[in-house]
PDB file of N, CA and C in Angstrom:
ATOM      1  N   UNK A   1       0.824  -1.194   0.000  1.00  0.00           N
ATOM      2  CA  UNK A   1       0.000   0.000   0.000  1.00  0.00           C
ATOM      3  C   UNK A   1       0.868   1.257   0.000  1.00  0.00           C
ATOM      4  N   UNK A   2       1.978   1.247   0.780  1.00  0.00           N
ATOM      5  CA  UNK A   2       2.849   2.413   0.828  1.00  0.00           C
ATOM      6  C   UNK A   2       3.466   2.672  -0.542  1.00  0.00           C
ATOM      7  N   UNK A   3       3.863   1.605  -1.243  1.00  0.00           N
ATOM      8  CA  UNK A   3       4.455   1.772  -2.568  1.00  0.00           C
ATOM      9  C   UNK A   3       3.445   2.356  -3.550  1.00  0.00           C
ATOM     10  N   UNK A   4       2.203   1.938  -3.413  1.00  0.00           N
ATOM     11  CA  UNK A   4       1.153   2.455  -4.291  1.00  0.00           C
ATOM     12  C   UNK A   4       0.968   3.950  -4.082  1.00  0.00           C
ATOM     13  N   UNK A   5       0.928   4.395  -2.822  1.00  0.00           N
ATOM     14  CA  UNK A   5       0.768   5.816  -2.528  1.00  0.00           C
ATOM     15  C   UNK A   5       1.964   6.612  -3.033  1.00  0.00           C
ATOM     16  N   UNK A   6       3.158   6.064  -2.846  1.00  0.00           N
ATOM     17  CA  UNK A   6       4.357   6.756  -3.325  1.00  0.00           C
ATOM     18  C   UNK A   6       4.346   6.848  -4.854  1.00  0.00           C
ATOM     19  N   UNK A   7       3.892   5.798  -5.504  1.00  0.00           N
ATOM     20  CA  UNK A   7       3.831   5.800  -6.966  1.00  0.00           C
ATOM     21  C   UNK A   7       2.857   6.856  -7.467  1.00  0.00           C
ATOM     22  N   UNK A   8       1.723   6.952  -6.804  1.00  0.00           N
ATOM     23  CA  UNK A   8       0.723   7.941  -7.201  1.00  0.00           C
ATOM     24  C   UNK A   8       1.254   9.349  -6.967  1.00  0.00           C
ATOM     25  N   UNK A   9       1.901   9.573  -5.834  1.00  0.00           N
ATOM     26  CA  UNK A   9       2.446  10.887  -5.534  1.00  0.00           C
ATOM     27  C   UNK A   9       3.545  11.248  -6.540  1.00  0.00           C
ATOM     28  N   UNK A  10       4.392  10.301  -6.869  1.00  0.00           N
ATOM     29  CA  UNK A  10       5.455  10.543  -7.830  1.00  0.00           C
ATOM     30  C   UNK A  10       4.884  10.854  -9.214  1.00  0.00           C
ATOM     31  N   UNK A  11       3.858  10.110  -9.605  1.00  0.00           N
ATOM     32  CA  UNK A  11       3.215  10.351 -10.896  1.00  0.00           C
ATOM     33  C   UNK A  11       2.570  11.740 -10.927  1.00  0.00           C
ATOM     34  N   UNK A  12       1.957  12.148  -9.825  1.00  0.00           N
ATOM     35  CA  UNK A  12       1.338  13.478  -9.754  1.00  0.00           C
ATOM     36  C   UNK A  12       2.379  14.579  -9.871  1.00  0.00           C
ATOM     37  N   UNK A  13       3.493  14.417  -9.169  1.00  0.00           N
ATOM     38  CA  UNK A  13       4.560  15.413  -9.227  1.00  0.00           C
ATOM     39  C   UNK A  13       5.146  15.475 -10.633  1.00  0.00           C
ATOM     40  N   UNK A  14       5.335  14.331 -11.264  1.00  0.00           N
ATOM     41  CA  UNK A  14       5.872  14.293 -12.629  1.00  0.00           C
ATOM     42  C   UNK A  14       4.911  14.976 -13.601  1.00  0.00           C
ATOM     43  N   UNK A  15       3.628  14.704 -13.460  1.00  0.00           N
ATOM     44  CA  UNK A  15       2.631  15.327 -14.337  1.00  0.00           C
ATOM     45  C   UNK A  15       2.610  16.838 -14.144  1.00  0.00           C
ATOM     46  N   UNK A  16       2.705  17.297 -12.910  1.00  0.00           N
ATOM     47  CA  UNK A  16       2.729  18.726 -12.634  1.00  0.00           C
ATOM     48  C   UNK A  16       3.969  19.361 -13.251  1.00  0.00           C
ATOM     49  N   UNK A  17       5.092  18.694 -13.149  1.00  0.00           N
ATOM     50  CA  UNK A  17       6.330  19.200 -13.739  1.00  0.00           C
ATOM     51  C   UNK A  17       6.224  19.325 -15.244  1.00  0.00           C
ATOM     52  N   UNK A  18       5.610  18.339 -15.885  1.00  0.00           N
ATOM     53  CA  UNK A  18       5.430  18.404 -17.336  1.00  0.00           C
ATOM     54  C   UNK A  18       4.468  19.518 -17.726  1.00  0.00           C
ATOM     55  N   UNK A  19       3.455  19.730 -16.927  1.00  0.00           N
ATOM     56  CA  UNK A  19       2.488  20.783 -17.205  1.00  0.00           C
ATOM     57  C   UNK A  19       3.159  22.150 -17.129  1.00  0.00           C
ATOM     58  N   UNK A  20       3.948  22.375 -16.120  1.00  0.00           N
ATOM     59  CA  UNK A  20       4.641  23.654 -15.972  1.00  0.00           C
ATOM     60  C   UNK A  20       5.633  23.847 -17.107  1.00  0.00           C
ATOM     61  N   UNK A  21       6.328  22.798 -17.505  1.00  0.00           N
ATOM     62  CA  UNK A  21       7.313  22.896 -18.583  1.00  0.00           C
ATOM     63  C   UNK A  21       6.648  23.213 -19.913  1.00  0.00           C
ATOM     64  N   UNK A  22       5.404  22.800 -20.076  1.00  0.00           N
ATOM     65  CA  UNK A  22       4.695  23.014 -21.339  1.00  0.00           C
ATOM     66  C   UNK A  22       4.070  24.405 -21.437  1.00  0.00           C
ATOM     67  N   UNK A  23       4.085  25.177 -20.369  1.00  0.00           N
ATOM     68  CA  UNK A  23       3.485  26.513 -20.388  1.00  0.00           C
ATOM     69  C   UNK A  23       4.247  27.428 -21.324  1.00  0.00           C
ATOM     70  N   UNK A  24       3.497  28.229 -22.045  1.00  0.00           N
ATOM     71  CA  UNK A  24       4.090  29.197 -22.958  1.00  0.00           C
ATOM     72  C   UNK A  24       4.369  30.495 -22.208  1.00  0.00           C
ATOM     73  N   UNK A  25       5.349  31.227 -22.666  1.00  0.00           N
ATOM     74  CA  UNK A  25       5.631  32.536 -22.111  1.00  0.00           C
ATOM     75  C   UNK A  25       4.643  33.562 -22.625  1.00  0.00           C
ATOM     76  N   UNK A  26       4.685  34.754 -22.041  1.00  0.00           N
ATOM     77  CA  UNK A  26       3.757  35.822 -22.427  1.00  0.00           C
ATOM     78  C   UNK A  26       3.943  36.228 -23.885  1.00  0.00           C
ATOM     79  N   UNK A  27       5.220  36.330 -24.321  1.00  0.00           N
ATOM     80  CA  UNK A  27       5.478  36.731 -25.704  1.00  0.00           C
ATOM     81  C   UNK A  27       4.960  35.676 -26.676  1.00  0.00           C
ATOM     82  N   UNK A  28       5.154  34.413 -26.324  1.00  0.00           N
ATOM     83  CA  UNK A  28       4.677  33.341 -27.204  1.00  0.00           C
ATOM     84  C   UNK A  28       3.157  33.353 -27.283  1.00  0.00           C
ATOM     85  N   UNK A  29       2.508  33.528 -26.147  1.00  0.00           N
ATOM     86  CA  UNK A  29       1.045  33.580 -26.139  1.00  0.00           C
ATOM     87  C   UNK A  29       0.526  34.762 -26.954  1.00  0.00           C
ATOM     88  N   UNK A  30       1.175  35.917 -26.826  1.00  0.00           N
ATOM     89  CA  UNK A  30       0.745  37.095 -27.582  1.00  0.00           C
ATOM     90  C   UNK A  30       0.911  36.869 -29.082  1.00  0.00           C
ATOM     91  N   UNK A  31       2.002  36.228 -29.457  1.00  0.00           N
ATOM     92  CA  UNK A  31       2.239  35.946 -30.869  1.00  0.00           C
ATOM     93  C   UNK A  31       1.220  34.942 -31.398  1.00  0.00           C
ATOM     94  N   UNK A  32       0.885  33.942 -30.589  1.00  0.00           N
ATOM     95  CA  UNK A  32      -0.127  32.969 -31.004  1.00  0.00           C
ATOM     96  C   UNK A  32      -1.503  33.619 -31.110  1.00  0.00           C
ATOM     97  N   UNK A  33      -1.797  34.580 -30.246  1.00  0.00           N
ATOM     98  CA  UNK A  33      -3.060  35.316 -30.347  1.00  0.00           C
ATOM     99  C   UNK A  33      -3.090  36.130 -31.642  1.00  0.00           C
ATOM    100  N   UNK A  34      -1.944  36.701 -32.004  1.00  0.00           N
ATOM    101  CA  UNK A  34      -1.859  37.452 -33.262  1.00  0.00           C
ATOM    102  C   UNK A  34      -2.142  36.520 -34.438  1.00  0.00           C
ATOM    103  N   UNK A  35      -1.601  35.312 -34.390  1.00  0.00           N
ATOM    104  CA  UNK A  35      -1.845  34.336 -35.456  1.00  0.00           C
ATOM    105  C   UNK A  35      -3.333  34.014 -35.550  1.00  0.00           C
ATOM    106  N   UNK A  36      -3.971  33.867 -34.417  1.00  0.00           N
ATOM    107  CA  UNK A  36      -5.406  33.560 -34.409  1.00  0.00           C
ATOM    108  C   UNK A  36      -6.211  34.725 -34.981  1.00  0.00           C
ATOM    109  N   UNK A  37      -5.789  35.960 -34.690  1.00  0.00           N
ATOM    110  CA  UNK A  37      -6.484  37.127 -35.243  1.00  0.00           C
ATOM    111  C   UNK A  37      -6.318  37.187 -36.759  1.00  0.00           C
ATOM    112  N   UNK A  38      -5.131  36.853 -37.256  1.00  0.00           N
ATOM    113  CA  UNK A  38      -4.904  36.823 -38.705  1.00  0.00           C
ATOM    114  C   UNK A  38      -5.818  35.780 -39.344  1.00  0.00           C
ATOM    115  N   UNK A  39      -5.888  34.616 -38.730  1.00  0.00           N
ATOM    116  CA  UNK A  39      -6.725  33.529 -39.251  1.00  0.00           C
ATOM    117  C   UNK A  39      -8.201  33.944 -39.234  1.00  0.00           C
ATOM    118  N   UNK A  40      -8.645  34.539 -38.132  1.00  0.00           N
ATOM    119  CA  UNK A  40     -10.045  34.959 -38.013  1.00  0.00           C
ATOM    120  C   UNK A  40     -10.390  36.051 -39.025  1.00  0.00           C
ATOM    121  N   UNK A  41      -9.468  36.986 -39.229  1.00  0.00           N
ATOM    122  CA  UNK A  41      -9.696  38.067 -40.186  1.00  0.00           C
ATOM    123  C   UNK A  41      -9.821  37.521 -41.604  1.00  0.00           C
ATOM    124  N   UNK A  42      -8.927  36.607 -41.956  1.00  0.00           N
ATOM    125  CA  UNK A  42      -8.988  36.006 -43.298  1.00  0.00           C
ATOM    126  C   UNK A  42     -10.286  35.236 -43.480  1.00  0.00           C
ATOM    127  N   UNK A  43     -10.701  34.502 -42.448  1.00  0.00           N
ATOM    128  CA  UNK A  43     -11.958  33.751 -42.531  1.00  0.00           C
ATOM    129  C   UNK A  43     -13.151  34.688 -42.701  1.00  0.00           C
ATOM    130  N   UNK A  44     -13.157  35.790 -41.958  1.00  0.00           N
ATOM    131  CA  UNK A  44     -14.262  36.744 -42.061  1.00  0.00           C
ATOM    132  C   UNK A  44     -14.310  37.377 -43.455  1.00  0.00           C
ATOM    133  N   UNK A  45     -13.143  37.727 -43.986  1.00  0.00           N
ATOM    134  CA  UNK A  45     -13.090  38.301 -45.325  1.00  0.00           C
ATOM    135  C   UNK A  45     -13.570  37.291 -46.363  1.00  0.00           C
ATOM    136  N   UNK A  46     -13.102  36.054 -46.240  1.00  0.00           N
ATOM    137  CA  UNK A  46     -13.503  35.013 -47.179  1.00  0.00           C
ATOM    138  C   UNK A  46     -15.004  34.726 -47.073  1.00  0.00           C
ATOM    139  N   UNK A  47     -15.520  34.689 -45.853  1.00  0.00           N
ATOM    140  CA  UNK A  47     -16.965  34.469 -45.666  1.00  0.00           C
ATOM    141  C   UNK A  47     -17.776  35.578 -46.333  1.00  0.00           C
ATOM    142  N   UNK A  48     -17.309  36.818 -46.183  1.00  0.00           N
ATOM    143  CA  UNK A  48     -17.999  37.952 -46.803  1.00  0.00           C
ATOM    144  C   UNK A  48     -17.977  37.827 -48.328  1.00  0.00           C
ATOM    145  N   UNK A  49     -16.832  37.431 -48.858  1.00  0.00           N
ATOM    146  CA  UNK A  49     -16.724  37.255 -50.314  1.00  0.00           C
ATOM    147  C   UNK A  49     -17.656  36.143 -50.796  1.00  0.00           C
ATOM    148  N   UNK A  50     -17.739  35.074 -50.038  1.00  0.00           N
ATOM    149  CA  UNK A  50     -18.624  33.966 -50.411  1.00  0.00           C
ATOM    150  C   UNK A  50     -20.083  34.393 -50.349  1.00  0.00           C
ATOM    151  N   UNK A  51     -20.425  35.207 -49.340  1.00  0.00           N
ATOM    152  CA  UNK A  51     -21.796  35.723 -49.247  1.00  0.00           C
ATOM    153  C   UNK A  51     -22.130  36.593 -50.452  1.00  0.00           C
ATOM    154  N   UNK A  52     -21.173  37.420 -50.872  1.00  0.00           N
ATOM    155  CA  UNK A  52     -21.378  38.262 -52.055  1.00  0.00           C
ATOM    156  C   UNK A  52     -21.539  37.399 -53.302  1.00  0.00           C
ATOM    157  N   UNK A  53     -20.764  36.332 -53.388  1.00  0.00           N
ATOM    158  CA  UNK A  53     -20.875  35.430 -54.536  1.00  0.00           C
ATOM    159  C   UNK A  53     -22.253  34.781 -54.564  1.00  0.00           C
ATOM    160  N   UNK A  54     -22.746  34.387 -53.403  1.00  0.00           N
ATOM    161  CA  UNK A  54     -24.068  33.752 -53.328  1.00  0.00           C
ATOM    162  C   UNK A  54     -25.182  34.719 -53.722  1.00  0.00           C
ATOM    163  N   UNK A  55     -24.973  35.997 -53.460  1.00  0.00           N
ATOM    164  CA  UNK A  55     -26.006  37.001 -53.737  1.00  0.00           C
ATOM    165  C   UNK A  55     -25.888  37.614 -55.133  1.00  0.00           C
ATOM    166  N   UNK A  56     -24.875  37.235 -55.893  1.00  0.00           N
ATOM    167  CA  UNK A  56     -24.626  37.883 -57.186  1.00  0.00           C
ATOM    168  C   UNK A  56     -25.784  37.746 -58.158  1.00  0.00           C
ATOM    169  N   UNK A  57     -26.274  36.561 -58.338  1.00  0.00           N
ATOM    170  CA  UNK A  57     -27.324  36.360 -59.330  1.00  0.00           C
ATOM    171  C   UNK A  57     -28.330  35.346 -58.802  1.00  0.00           C
ATOM    172  N   UNK A  58     -29.354  35.825 -58.097  1.00  0.00           N
ATOM    173  CA  UNK A  58     -30.332  34.897 -57.527  1.00  0.00           C
ATOM    174  C   UNK A  58     -31.193  34.186 -58.577  1.00  0.00           C
ATOM    175  N   UNK A  59     -31.114  34.588 -59.819  1.00  0.00           N
ATOM    176  CA  UNK A  59     -31.950  33.991 -60.865  1.00  0.00           C
ATOM    177  C   UNK A  59     -31.349  32.705 -61.442  1.00  0.00           C
ATOM    178  N   UNK A  60     -30.179  32.307 -60.994  1.00  0.00           N
ATOM    179  CA  UNK A  60     -29.513  31.149 -61.601  1.00  0.00           C
ATOM    180  C   UNK A  60     -29.983  29.818 -61.012  1.00  0.00           C
ATOM    181  N   UNK A  61     -30.897  29.857 -60.073  1.00  0.00           N
ATOM    182  CA  UNK A  61     -31.477  28.634 -59.502  1.00  0.00           C
ATOM    183  C   UNK A  61     -30.425  27.654 -58.995  1.00  0.00           C
ATOM    184  N   UNK A  62     -29.487  28.162 -58.210  1.00  0.00           N
ATOM    185  CA  UNK A  62     -28.500  27.295 -57.593  1.00  0.00           C
ATOM    186  C   UNK A  62     -27.289  26.988 -58.450  1.00  0.00           C
ATOM    187  N   UNK A  63     -27.293  27.405 -59.698  1.00  0.00           N
ATOM    188  CA  UNK A  63     -26.137  27.176 -60.560  1.00  0.00           C
ATOM    189  C   UNK A  63     -25.222  28.392 -60.467  1.00  0.00           C
ATOM    190  N   UNK A  64     -23.958  28.158 -60.198  1.00  0.00           N
ATOM    191  CA  UNK A  64     -23.007  29.250 -60.060  1.00  0.00           C
ATOM    192  C   UNK A  64     -22.608  29.797 -61.428  1.00  0.00           C
ATOM    193  N   UNK A  65     -22.543  31.103 -61.498  1.00  0.00           N
ATOM    194  CA  UNK A  65     -22.073  31.752 -62.715  1.00  0.00           C
ATOM    195  C   UNK A  65     -20.550  31.827 -62.679  1.00  0.00           C
ATOM    196  N   UNK A  66     -19.955  32.242 -63.782  1.00  0.00           N
ATOM    197  CA  UNK A  66     -18.505  32.393 -63.824  1.00  0.00           C
ATOM    198  C   UNK A  66     -18.047  33.417 -62.785  1.00  0.00           C
ATOM    199  N   UNK A  67     -18.804  34.490 -62.652  1.00  0.00           N
ATOM    200  CA  UNK A  67     -18.466  35.524 -61.672  1.00  0.00           C
ATOM    201  C   UNK A  67     -18.509  34.997 -60.245  1.00  0.00           C
ATOM    202  N   UNK A  68     -19.530  34.199 -59.952  1.00  0.00           N
ATOM    203  CA  UNK A  68     -19.636  33.607 -58.618  1.00  0.00           C
ATOM    204  C   UNK A  68     -18.468  32.663 -58.354  1.00  0.00           C
ATOM    205  N   UNK A  69     -18.168  31.835 -59.337  1.00  0.00           N
ATOM    206  CA  UNK A  69     -17.058  30.890 -59.185  1.00  0.00           C
ATOM    207  C   UNK A  69     -15.737  31.621 -58.989  1.00  0.00           C
ATOM    208  N   UNK A  70     -15.536  32.712 -59.722  1.00  0.00           N
ATOM    209  CA  UNK A  70     -14.301  33.482 -59.596  1.00  0.00           C
ATOM    210  C   UNK A  70     -14.186  34.096 -58.205  1.00  0.00           C
ATOM    211  N   UNK A  71     -15.292  34.652 -57.703  1.00  0.00           N
ATOM    212  CA  UNK A  71     -15.270  35.262 -56.380  1.00  0.00           C
ATOM    213  C   UNK A  71     -15.062  34.212 -55.294  1.00  0.00           C
ATOM    214  N   UNK A  72     -15.678  33.051 -55.460  1.00  0.00           N
ATOM    215  CA  UNK A  72     -15.479  31.972 -54.493  1.00  0.00           C
ATOM    216  C   UNK A  72     -14.032  31.464 -54.527  1.00  0.00           C
ATOM    217  N   UNK A  73     -13.437  31.441 -55.697  1.00  0.00           N
ATOM    218  CA  UNK A  73     -12.025  31.034 -55.799  1.00  0.00           C
ATOM    219  C   UNK A  73     -11.132  32.055 -55.099  1.00  0.00           C
ATOM    220  N   UNK A  74     -11.464  33.339 -55.251  1.00  0.00           N
ATOM    221  CA  UNK A  74     -10.702  34.379 -54.553  1.00  0.00           C
ATOM    222  C   UNK A  74     -10.873  34.236 -53.038  1.00  0.00           C
ATOM    223  N   UNK A  75     -12.084  33.907 -52.615  1.00  0.00           N
ATOM    224  CA  UNK A  75     -12.342  33.707 -51.188  1.00  0.00           C
ATOM    225  C   UNK A  75     -11.511  32.539 -50.655  1.00  0.00           C
ATOM    226  N   UNK A  76     -11.445  31.476 -51.430  1.00  0.00           N
ATOM    227  CA  UNK A  76     -10.612  30.327 -51.029  1.00  0.00           C
ATOM    228  C   UNK A  76      -9.147  30.732 -50.922  1.00  0.00           C
ATOM    229  N   UNK A  77      -8.688  31.559 -51.858  1.00  0.00           N
ATOM    230  CA  UNK A  77      -7.297  32.017 -51.847  1.00  0.00           C
ATOM    231  C   UNK A  77      -7.021  32.903 -50.622  1.00  0.00           C
ATOM    232  N   UNK A  78      -7.981  33.745 -50.272  1.00  0.00           N
ATOM    233  CA  UNK A  78      -7.831  34.596 -49.091  1.00  0.00           C
ATOM    234  C   UNK A  78      -7.749  33.726 -47.838  1.00  0.00           C
ATOM    235  N   UNK A  79      -8.611  32.732 -47.763  1.00  0.00           N
ATOM    236  CA  UNK A  79      -8.628  31.833 -46.601  1.00  0.00           C
ATOM    237  C   UNK A  79      -7.296  31.078 -46.503  1.00  0.00           C
ATOM    238  N   UNK A  80      -6.816  30.553 -47.630  1.00  0.00           N
ATOM    239  CA  UNK A  80      -5.557  29.802 -47.633  1.00  0.00           C
ATOM    240  C   UNK A  80      -4.376  30.701 -47.289  1.00  0.00           C
ATOM    241  N   UNK A  81      -4.380  31.916 -47.802  1.00  0.00           N
ATOM    242  CA  UNK A  81      -3.310  32.862 -47.514  1.00  0.00           C
ATOM    243  C   UNK A  81      -3.290  33.218 -46.023  1.00  0.00           C
ATOM    244  N   UNK A  82      -4.453  33.456 -45.465  1.00  0.00           N
ATOM    245  CA  UNK A  82      -4.553  33.755 -44.032  1.00  0.00           C
ATOM    246  C   UNK A  82      -4.073  32.596 -43.188  1.00  0.00           C
ATOM    247  N   UNK A  83      -4.421  31.404 -43.604  1.00  0.00           N
ATOM    248  CA  UNK A  83      -3.987  30.197 -42.883  1.00  0.00           C
ATOM    249  C   UNK A  83      -2.469  30.065 -42.935  1.00  0.00           C
ATOM    250  N   UNK A  84      -1.891  30.319 -44.109  1.00  0.00           N
ATOM    251  CA  UNK A  84      -0.437  30.221 -44.254  1.00  0.00           C
ATOM    252  C   UNK A  84       0.271  31.270 -43.404  1.00  0.00           C
ATOM    253  N   UNK A  85      -0.258  32.497 -43.399  1.00  0.00           N
ATOM    254  CA  UNK A  85       0.337  33.557 -42.585  1.00  0.00           C
ATOM    255  C   UNK A  85       0.238  33.220 -41.102  1.00  0.00           C
ATOM    256  N   UNK A  86      -0.928  32.711 -40.684  1.00  0.00           N
ATOM    257  CA  UNK A  86      -1.116  32.352 -39.278  1.00  0.00           C
ATOM    258  C   UNK A  86      -0.172  31.211 -38.886  1.00  0.00           C
ATOM    259  N   UNK A  87      -0.019  30.238 -39.765  1.00  0.00           N
ATOM    260  CA  UNK A  87       0.906  29.132 -39.477  1.00  0.00           C
ATOM    261  C   UNK A  87       2.333  29.636 -39.334  1.00  0.00           C
ATOM    262  N   UNK A  88       2.728  30.569 -40.186  1.00  0.00           N
ATOM    263  CA  UNK A  88       4.081  31.129 -40.113  1.00  0.00           C
ATOM    264  C   UNK A  88       4.276  31.890 -38.799  1.00  0.00           C
ATOM    265  N   UNK A  89       3.263  32.620 -38.382  1.00  0.00           N
ATOM    266  CA  UNK A  89       3.348  33.350 -37.115  1.00  0.00           C
ATOM    267  C   UNK A  89       3.439  32.371 -35.949  1.00  0.00           C
ATOM    268  N   UNK A  90       2.671  31.292 -35.997  1.00  0.00           N
ATOM    269  CA  UNK A  90       2.726  30.289 -34.929  1.00  0.00           C
ATOM    270  C   UNK A  90       4.085  29.600 -34.892  1.00  0.00           C
ATOM    271  N   UNK A  91       4.664  29.342 -36.062  1.00  0.00           N
ATOM    272  CA  UNK A  91       6.010  28.751 -36.108  1.00  0.00           C
ATOM    273  C   UNK A  91       7.019  29.703 -35.462  1.00  0.00           C
ATOM    274  N   UNK A  92       6.853  30.987 -35.718  1.00  0.00           N
ATOM    275  CA  UNK A  92       7.719  32.000 -35.120  1.00  0.00           C
ATOM    276  C   UNK A  92       7.528  32.001 -33.599  1.00  0.00           C
ATOM    277  N   UNK A  93       6.280  31.865 -33.156  1.00  0.00           N
ATOM    278  CA  UNK A  93       5.990  31.857 -31.716  1.00  0.00           C
ATOM    279  C   UNK A  93       6.646  30.667 -31.038  1.00  0.00           C
ATOM    280  N   UNK A  94       6.671  29.537 -31.713  1.00  0.00           N
ATOM    281  CA  UNK A  94       7.273  28.336 -31.127  1.00  0.00           C
ATOM    282  C   UNK A  94       8.761  28.508 -30.874  1.00  0.00           C
ATOM    283  N   UNK A  95       9.396  29.437 -31.585  1.00  0.00           N
ATOM    284  CA  UNK A  95      10.842  29.657 -31.438  1.00  0.00           C
ATOM    285  C   UNK A  95      11.174  30.707 -30.379  1.00  0.00           C
ATOM    286  N   UNK A  96      10.148  31.326 -29.805  1.00  0.00           N
ATOM    287  CA  UNK A  96      10.375  32.327 -28.770  1.00  0.00           C
ATOM    288  C   UNK A  96      10.725  31.597 -27.476  1.00  0.00           C
ATOM    289  N   UNK A  97      11.854  31.959 -26.862  1.00  0.00           N
ATOM    290  CA  UNK A  97      12.214  31.308 -25.597  1.00  0.00           C
ATOM    291  C   UNK A  97      11.261  31.718 -24.487  1.00  0.00           C
ATOM    292  N   UNK A  98      10.994  30.769 -23.596  1.00  0.00           N
ATOM    293  CA  UNK A  98      10.067  31.051 -22.470  1.00  0.00           C
ATOM    294  C   UNK A  98      10.737  31.887 -21.423  1.00  0.00           C
TER     295      UNK A  98
END
């Protein structure tokens, strides 16, 4: 029974140590928040573009026109670009010392 309690206590201390070691510093957290804002901004812009594409020609009965397809492709490009920028910022954050 004593060994079991010691094992549990040791495991708890080890887990706590790993948790503290995994904590990010303030600069890293701020940089990761910036990445999230970039991602959110790109998503909002892309969503707006997609909404405009959907509203372009309501008479097409669900069939996308060339203009709608072009705008949706631009929206996809904006979303992908934002994702790439956010990933680059997060990679930069990972290199910030704690």
